[in-house]
């Protein structure tokens, strides 16, 4: 069970594992990959193949929510917002 939506994208180690395409285009994800990426039943993915590298298939998880995805990108959100608002006030005084 995933404990945190935000923590699900943090991989603690690189994982490489073999998977095999089954009939009806089904691919079973190897357990080490599932665990490392915190993949759960029902997760959705965008599958990408490019013409310049057709032997590489990339899976991009489609998040059901992006809430909190940029947490801590700007440091403390309150301080960042206060600083932004202060800069607006300073611009108004010019």
C-alpha atoms as a PDB file:
ATOM      1  CA  UNK A   1       0.000   0.000   0.000  1.00  0.00           C
ATOM      2  CA  UNK A   2       1.317   3.413  -0.928  1.00  0.00           C
ATOM      3  CA  UNK A   3       1.848   5.569   2.127  1.00  0.00           C
ATOM      4  CA  UNK A   4       2.159   8.871   0.321  1.00  0.00           C
ATOM      5  CA  UNK A   5       1.286   9.975  -3.187  1.00  0.00           C
ATOM      6  CA  UNK A   6       4.237  12.347  -3.164  1.00  0.00           C
ATOM      7  CA  UNK A   7       6.718   9.727  -1.999  1.00  0.00           C
ATOM      8  CA  UNK A   8       5.654   7.310  -4.733  1.00  0.00           C
ATOM      9  CA  UNK A   9       7.950   8.890  -7.304  1.00  0.00           C
ATOM     10  CA  UNK A  10      11.110   8.675  -5.187  1.00  0.00           C
ATOM     11  CA  UNK A  11      13.234   5.719  -6.233  1.00  0.00           C
ATOM     12  CA  UNK A  12      15.874   4.790  -3.687  1.00  0.00           C
ATOM     13  CA  UNK A  13      17.945   2.654  -6.093  1.00  0.00           C
ATOM     14  CA  UNK A  14      18.197   2.005  -9.804  1.00  0.00           C
ATOM     15  CA  UNK A  15      16.374  -1.166 -10.784  1.00  0.00           C
ATOM     16  CA  UNK A  16      16.713  -3.197 -13.953  1.00  0.00           C
ATOM     17  CA  UNK A  17      14.554  -6.266 -14.544  1.00  0.00           C
ATOM     18  CA  UNK A  18      13.387  -8.261 -17.527  1.00  0.00           C
ATOM     19  CA  UNK A  19       9.744  -8.432 -18.559  1.00  0.00           C
ATOM     20  CA  UNK A  20       8.114 -10.406 -21.334  1.00  0.00           C
ATOM     21  CA  UNK A  21       5.214  -9.432 -23.575  1.00  0.00           C
ATOM     22  CA  UNK A  22       2.394 -11.948 -23.259  1.00  0.00           C
ATOM     23  CA  UNK A  23      -0.447 -12.731 -25.633  1.00  0.00           C
ATOM     24  CA  UNK A  24      -3.025  -9.964 -25.935  1.00  0.00           C
ATOM     25  CA  UNK A  25      -0.291  -7.318 -25.472  1.00  0.00           C
ATOM     26  CA  UNK A  26      -0.048  -7.762 -21.706  1.00  0.00           C
ATOM     27  CA  UNK A  27       3.166  -6.925 -19.899  1.00  0.00           C
ATOM     28  CA  UNK A  28       3.661  -7.983 -16.286  1.00  0.00           C
ATOM     29  CA  UNK A  29       5.829  -5.560 -14.345  1.00  0.00           C
ATOM     30  CA  UNK A  30       8.628  -7.306 -12.428  1.00  0.00           C
ATOM     31  CA  UNK A  31       8.210  -7.110  -8.652  1.00  0.00           C
ATOM     32  CA  UNK A  32      11.476  -5.190  -8.041  1.00  0.00           C
ATOM     33  CA  UNK A  33      10.277  -2.482 -10.453  1.00  0.00           C
ATOM     34  CA  UNK A  34       6.817  -2.380  -8.870  1.00  0.00           C
ATOM     35  CA  UNK A  35       8.314  -1.988  -5.415  1.00  0.00           C
ATOM     36  CA  UNK A  36      10.941   0.593  -6.404  1.00  0.00           C
ATOM     37  CA  UNK A  37       8.393   2.776  -8.217  1.00  0.00           C
ATOM     38  CA  UNK A  38       5.540   2.115  -5.747  1.00  0.00           C
ATOM     39  CA  UNK A  39       3.285   1.025  -8.609  1.00  0.00           C
ATOM     40  CA  UNK A  40      -0.194  -0.103  -7.622  1.00  0.00           C
ATOM     41  CA  UNK A  41      -2.970  -1.910  -9.455  1.00  0.00           C
ATOM     42  CA  UNK A  42      -4.984   0.639 -11.396  1.00  0.00           C
ATOM     43  CA  UNK A  43      -2.075   3.059 -11.934  1.00  0.00           C
ATOM     44  CA  UNK A  44      -2.166   4.467 -15.463  1.00  0.00           C
ATOM     45  CA  UNK A  45       0.791   5.117 -17.748  1.00  0.00           C
ATOM     46  CA  UNK A  46       1.524   6.983 -20.938  1.00  0.00           C
ATOM     47  CA  UNK A  47       3.578   4.692 -23.190  1.00  0.00           C
ATOM     48  CA  UNK A  48       6.144   6.436 -25.391  1.00  0.00           C
ATOM     49  CA  UNK A  49       8.113   5.106 -28.370  1.00  0.00           C
ATOM     50  CA  UNK A  50      10.024   7.461 -30.631  1.00  0.00           C
ATOM     51  CA  UNK A  51      10.909   6.936 -34.284  1.00  0.00           C
ATOM     52  CA  UNK A  52      14.589   7.671 -33.639  1.00  0.00           C
ATOM     53  CA  UNK A  53      14.843   4.952 -30.946  1.00  0.00           C
ATOM     54  CA  UNK A  54      12.128   2.313 -31.506  1.00  0.00           C
ATOM     55  CA  UNK A  55      13.852  -0.220 -29.214  1.00  0.00           C
ATOM     56  CA  UNK A  56      13.312   1.995 -26.179  1.00  0.00           C
ATOM     57  CA  UNK A  57       9.855   2.087 -24.619  1.00  0.00           C
ATOM     58  CA  UNK A  58       9.240   4.577 -21.814  1.00  0.00           C
ATOM     59  CA  UNK A  59       6.421   4.507 -19.309  1.00  0.00           C
ATOM     60  CA  UNK A  60       5.322   7.780 -17.748  1.00  0.00           C
ATOM     61  CA  UNK A  61       2.933   7.463 -14.816  1.00  0.00           C
ATOM     62  CA  UNK A  62      -0.232   9.516 -15.249  1.00  0.00           C
ATOM     63  CA  UNK A  63      -0.867  11.031 -11.859  1.00  0.00           C
ATOM     64  CA  UNK A  64      -4.440  11.294 -10.696  1.00  0.00           C
ATOM     65  CA  UNK A  65      -3.506  14.399  -8.710  1.00  0.00           C
ATOM     66  CA  UNK A  66      -0.657  16.863  -8.830  1.00  0.00           C
ATOM     67  CA  UNK A  67      -1.507  18.325  -5.435  1.00  0.00           C
ATOM     68  CA  UNK A  68       1.727  18.932  -3.572  1.00  0.00           C
ATOM     69  CA  UNK A  69       3.876  17.925  -6.541  1.00  0.00           C
ATOM     70  CA  UNK A  70       6.039  21.034  -6.203  1.00  0.00           C
ATOM     71  CA  UNK A  71       6.219  21.003  -2.425  1.00  0.00           C
ATOM     72  CA  UNK A  72       9.436  22.644  -1.226  1.00  0.00           C
ATOM     73  CA  UNK A  73      10.473  23.714  -4.740  1.00  0.00           C
ATOM     74  CA  UNK A  74      10.380  27.316  -3.553  1.00  0.00           C
ATOM     75  CA  UNK A  75      11.413  26.546   0.022  1.00  0.00           C
ATOM     76  CA  UNK A  76       8.953  27.558   2.695  1.00  0.00           C
ATOM     77  CA  UNK A  77       5.787  28.491   0.794  1.00  0.00           C
ATOM     78  CA  UNK A  78       4.720  31.165   3.287  1.00  0.00           C
ATOM     79  CA  UNK A  79       8.091  32.921   3.106  1.00  0.00           C
ATOM     80  CA  UNK A  80       8.079  32.711  -0.700  1.00  0.00           C
ATOM     81  CA  UNK A  81       4.568  34.178  -0.969  1.00  0.00           C
ATOM     82  CA  UNK A  82       5.385  36.939   1.517  1.00  0.00           C
ATOM     83  CA  UNK A  83       8.509  37.858  -0.463  1.00  0.00           C
ATOM     84  CA  UNK A  84       6.558  37.886  -3.733  1.00  0.00           C
ATOM     85  CA  UNK A  85       3.863  40.097  -2.260  1.00  0.00           C
ATOM     86  CA  UNK A  86       6.492  42.444  -0.843  1.00  0.00           C
ATOM     87  CA  UNK A  87       8.033  42.792  -4.286  1.00  0.00           C
ATOM     88  CA  UNK A  88       4.637  43.791  -5.657  1.00  0.00           C
ATOM     89  CA  UNK A  89       4.284  46.435  -2.970  1.00  0.00           C
ATOM     90  CA  UNK A  90       7.770  47.759  -3.771  1.00  0.00           C
ATOM     91  CA  UNK A  91       6.903  47.910  -7.480  1.00  0.00           C
ATOM     92  CA  UNK A  92       3.717  49.866  -6.694  1.00  0.00           C
ATOM     93  CA  UNK A  93       5.746  52.470  -4.763  1.00  0.00           C
ATOM     94  CA  UNK A  94       8.007  53.235  -7.744  1.00  0.00           C
END
